[in-house]
């Protein structure tokens, strides 16, 4: 007599998950550090966003942090670059929902506000303010910020050209820095929604400038 053995046909076996590559592990670590850095900068400010604090918040060892970003400045520049790349995608999504080129241009204050008032936008502003008292950060941030600004001017310039209008660098800076300043004022105001009134006012002023006869709005 031979004991009955369960029929094995049809038994499911789980294949071993493929091992992550070094590049994948590195990318995941950087993503965690980026998210933690934004949280630290947004909630605690530049002074408190040390590499140790960010590593602890991300659940990453000090050694892993230093492997990715040897200095605090390296980490801060990574945040600025990464946030700007994500902001470009956000701008594109917002503008894609507005079919008319002129309306796209006039929507710029609201779109810039929506993007820059997020925690990531405030985090970048904290880094910019921190550069005032951090010479190394200032020296390395300056050329990066110049490239970002030049690219932004190009993006808005193409938008204005499609609308048959002209957008001066001064106007673009006004929109961007008004939104950045209001993102800070919003945290202190008893009525945070009041910032949107200022943004709507800026849109109205833009409309007057853009529709002014040639030469009057320059």
Protein backbone atom coordinates (compact mmCIF):
# COMPACT_ATOMS: atom_id res chain seq x y z
CA UNK A 1 0.00 0.00 0.00
CA UNK A 2 1.38 3.39 -1.04
CA UNK A 3 0.16 6.48 0.83
CA UNK A 4 -1.79 8.99 -1.21
CA UNK A 5 0.17 12.06 -2.15
CA UNK A 6 -1.59 15.28 -3.05
CA UNK A 7 -1.67 16.04 -6.72
CA UNK A 8 0.95 18.74 -7.41
CA UNK A 9 -0.31 19.79 -10.82
CA UNK A 10 -1.52 23.38 -10.86
CA UNK A 11 0.36 24.46 -7.73
CA UNK A 12 1.34 28.08 -8.01
CA UNK A 13 4.89 29.05 -7.29
CA UNK A 14 5.97 32.63 -6.76
CA UNK A 15 8.92 33.66 -8.85
CA UNK A 16 11.60 35.48 -6.98
CA UNK A 17 11.34 39.23 -7.46
CA UNK A 18 14.10 40.56 -9.68
CA UNK A 19 16.87 42.21 -7.75
CA UNK A 20 17.00 45.96 -8.04
CA UNK A 21 19.96 47.39 -9.84
CA UNK A 22 22.38 49.77 -8.17
CA UNK A 23 20.95 52.59 -10.27
CA UNK A 24 17.42 51.77 -9.07
CA UNK A 25 18.49 51.66 -5.43
CA UNK A 26 20.33 54.94 -5.85
CA UNK A 27 17.30 56.53 -7.51
CA UNK A 28 14.99 55.38 -4.72
CA UNK A 29 17.36 56.75 -2.07
CA UNK A 30 17.55 60.10 -3.85
CA UNK A 31 13.75 60.25 -4.13
CA UNK A 32 13.37 59.65 -0.39
CA UNK A 33 16.00 62.27 0.41
CA UNK A 34 14.34 64.76 -1.92
CA UNK A 35 10.94 64.30 -0.29
CA UNK A 36 12.47 64.55 3.19
CA UNK A 37 14.46 67.67 2.29
CA UNK A 38 11.33 69.39 0.97
CA UNK A 39 9.46 68.50 4.16
CA UNK A 40 12.26 69.78 6.38
CA UNK A 41 12.68 73.02 4.42
CA UNK A 42 8.95 73.66 4.26
CA UNK A 43 8.13 72.92 7.90
CA UNK A 44 11.35 73.89 9.69
CA UNK A 45 13.22 76.24 7.38
CA UNK A 46 16.68 76.26 5.87
CA UNK A 47 18.64 76.47 9.14
CA UNK A 48 17.05 73.26 10.47
CA UNK A 49 17.32 71.33 7.20
CA UNK A 50 20.73 69.82 7.89
CA UNK A 51 21.94 66.69 6.15
CA UNK A 52 21.55 64.76 9.41
CA UNK A 53 17.95 65.94 9.90
CA UNK A 54 17.07 65.11 6.30
CA UNK A 55 18.69 61.66 6.49
CA UNK A 56 16.81 60.85 9.69
CA UNK A 57 13.51 62.05 8.25
CA UNK A 58 14.08 59.96 5.12
CA UNK A 59 15.06 56.87 7.09
CA UNK A 60 18.42 56.81 5.34
CA UNK A 61 21.77 56.16 7.02
CA UNK A 62 24.30 58.93 7.34
CA UNK A 63 26.66 56.97 5.10
CA UNK A 64 24.03 56.57 2.38
CA UNK A 65 23.31 60.29 2.54
CA UNK A 66 26.99 61.20 2.16
CA UNK A 67 27.34 58.75 -0.71
CA UNK A 68 24.60 60.57 -2.62
CA UNK A 69 25.31 64.11 -1.42
CA UNK A 70 28.75 64.70 0.12
CA UNK A 71 27.79 68.20 1.30
CA UNK A 72 24.67 70.05 2.32
CA UNK A 73 25.14 72.34 -0.67
CA UNK A 74 25.04 69.34 -3.01
CA UNK A 75 21.71 68.32 -1.48
CA UNK A 76 20.24 71.82 -1.69
CA UNK A 77 21.19 72.20 -5.36
CA UNK A 78 19.65 68.80 -6.08
CA UNK A 79 16.41 70.02 -4.49
CA UNK A 80 16.37 73.18 -6.63
CA UNK A 81 17.03 71.26 -9.86
CA UNK A 82 14.52 68.51 -9.10
CA UNK A 83 11.77 70.88 -8.03
CA UNK A 84 12.23 73.01 -11.15
CA UNK A 85 11.98 69.96 -13.41
CA UNK A 86 8.75 68.96 -11.70
CA UNK A 87 7.46 72.54 -11.93
CA UNK A 88 7.93 72.51 -15.71
CA UNK A 89 5.63 69.48 -15.92
CA UNK A 90 3.11 71.22 -13.65
CA UNK A 91 3.11 74.36 -15.80
CA UNK A 92 2.60 72.25 -18.92
CA UNK A 93 -0.37 70.44 -17.35
CA UNK A 94 -2.04 73.70 -16.33
CA UNK A 95 -1.49 75.38 -19.69
CA UNK A 96 -2.71 72.35 -21.64
CA UNK A 97 -6.14 72.87 -20.07
CA UNK A 98 -6.34 76.41 -21.55
CA UNK A 99 -6.77 76.33 -25.34
CA UNK A 100 -6.48 80.05 -26.12
CA UNK A 101 -2.88 81.40 -26.24
CA UNK A 102 -3.86 84.83 -24.89
CA UNK A 103 -5.74 83.27 -21.98
CA UNK A 104 -2.73 81.06 -21.31
CA UNK A 105 -0.60 84.16 -20.95
CA UNK A 106 -3.11 85.94 -18.74
CA UNK A 107 -3.42 82.80 -16.59
CA UNK A 108 0.29 82.99 -15.80
CA UNK A 109 -0.13 84.67 -12.36
CA UNK A 110 -2.63 82.03 -11.21
CA UNK A 111 -0.61 79.14 -12.63
CA UNK A 112 2.66 80.39 -11.14
CA UNK A 113 0.89 80.86 -7.81
CA UNK A 114 -0.54 77.34 -7.86
CA UNK A 115 2.90 75.88 -8.55
CA UNK A 116 5.15 78.05 -6.36
CA UNK A 117 2.88 78.13 -3.30
CA UNK A 118 3.20 74.36 -2.85
CA UNK A 119 5.56 72.98 -0.19
CA UNK A 120 8.22 72.33 -2.85
CA UNK A 121 8.08 75.94 -4.02
CA UNK A 122 8.39 77.24 -0.47
CA UNK A 123 11.30 74.84 0.09
CA UNK A 124 13.18 76.34 -2.86
CA UNK A 125 12.51 79.85 -1.55
CA UNK A 126 13.98 78.77 1.80
CA UNK A 127 17.14 77.66 -0.03
CA UNK A 128 17.35 80.99 -1.84
CA UNK A 129 17.02 82.88 1.42
CA UNK A 130 19.58 80.60 3.06
CA UNK A 131 22.08 81.47 0.32
CA UNK A 132 22.24 85.02 1.70
CA UNK A 133 24.25 83.76 4.67
CA UNK A 134 25.91 80.73 3.04
CA UNK A 135 28.66 81.88 0.64
CA UNK A 136 29.31 78.41 -0.82
CA UNK A 137 25.64 77.84 -1.52
CA UNK A 138 25.29 81.32 -3.02
CA UNK A 139 28.27 80.81 -5.33
CA UNK A 140 26.97 77.52 -6.69
CA UNK A 141 23.29 78.47 -6.71
CA UNK A 142 23.80 81.68 -8.69
CA UNK A 143 24.65 80.06 -12.08
CA UNK A 144 21.96 77.40 -11.61
CA UNK A 145 19.34 80.04 -10.89
CA UNK A 146 20.51 82.03 -13.92
CA UNK A 147 19.98 78.98 -16.16
CA UNK A 148 16.56 78.34 -14.65
CA UNK A 149 15.55 81.96 -15.16
CA UNK A 150 16.80 82.00 -18.76
CA UNK A 151 14.84 78.84 -19.51
CA UNK A 152 11.73 80.32 -17.91
CA UNK A 153 12.07 83.49 -19.98
CA UNK A 154 12.28 81.33 -23.09
CA UNK A 155 9.18 79.33 -22.12
CA UNK A 156 7.08 82.42 -21.43
CA UNK A 157 8.49 84.19 -24.48
CA UNK A 158 7.22 81.41 -26.73
CA UNK A 159 3.86 81.56 -24.98
CA UNK A 160 3.66 85.31 -25.54
CA UNK A 161 4.69 84.96 -29.18
CA UNK A 162 1.88 82.46 -29.78
CA UNK A 163 -0.52 85.00 -28.27
CA UNK A 164 0.83 87.78 -30.47
CA UNK A 165 2.08 89.69 -27.45
CA UNK A 166 5.40 90.58 -25.85
CA UNK A 167 6.39 89.56 -22.32
CA UNK A 168 9.37 91.41 -20.89
CA UNK A 169 11.77 89.79 -18.40
CA UNK A 170 10.69 92.45 -15.88
CA UNK A 171 7.08 91.31 -16.14
CA UNK A 172 8.01 87.65 -15.76
CA UNK A 173 10.15 88.41 -12.70
CA UNK A 174 7.30 90.42 -11.21
CA UNK A 175 4.90 87.50 -11.56
CA UNK A 176 7.34 84.93 -10.18
CA UNK A 177 8.55 86.94 -7.21
CA UNK A 178 5.09 88.21 -6.34
CA UNK A 179 3.97 84.57 -6.12
CA UNK A 180 7.03 83.62 -4.04
CA UNK A 181 6.50 86.50 -1.64
CA UNK A 182 2.81 85.80 -1.28
CA UNK A 183 3.56 82.15 -0.51
CA UNK A 184 5.36 83.35 2.62
CA UNK A 185 2.80 86.03 3.45
CA UNK A 186 0.10 83.37 3.26
CA UNK A 187 1.59 81.52 6.22
CA UNK A 188 1.35 84.67 8.39
CA UNK A 189 -1.91 86.17 7.21
CA UNK A 190 -5.08 85.67 9.29
CA UNK A 191 -6.84 85.20 5.94
CA UNK A 192 -4.64 82.97 3.76
CA UNK A 193 -7.14 83.23 0.91
CA UNK A 194 -6.34 86.95 0.62
CA UNK A 195 -3.24 86.06 -1.40
CA UNK A 196 -5.51 85.01 -4.25
CA UNK A 197 -7.00 88.51 -4.35
CA UNK A 198 -3.50 89.86 -4.99
CA UNK A 199 -2.93 87.27 -7.71
CA UNK A 200 -6.19 88.25 -9.41
CA UNK A 201 -5.16 91.90 -9.22
CA UNK A 202 -1.85 91.02 -10.85
CA UNK A 203 -3.69 89.25 -13.65
CA UNK A 204 -5.74 92.41 -14.23
CA UNK A 205 -2.60 94.54 -14.38
CA UNK A 206 -1.05 92.09 -16.83
CA UNK A 207 -4.08 92.40 -19.08
CA UNK A 208 -3.70 96.18 -19.13
CA UNK A 209 0.01 95.92 -19.96
CA UNK A 210 -0.40 93.29 -22.65
CA UNK A 211 -3.25 95.14 -24.35
CA UNK A 212 -1.59 98.56 -24.19
CA UNK A 213 -0.52 100.12 -27.52
CA UNK A 214 3.03 99.23 -28.55
CA UNK A 215 5.55 101.08 -26.42
CA UNK A 216 3.21 102.02 -23.58
CA UNK A 217 3.53 98.70 -21.73
CA UNK A 218 7.29 98.40 -21.96
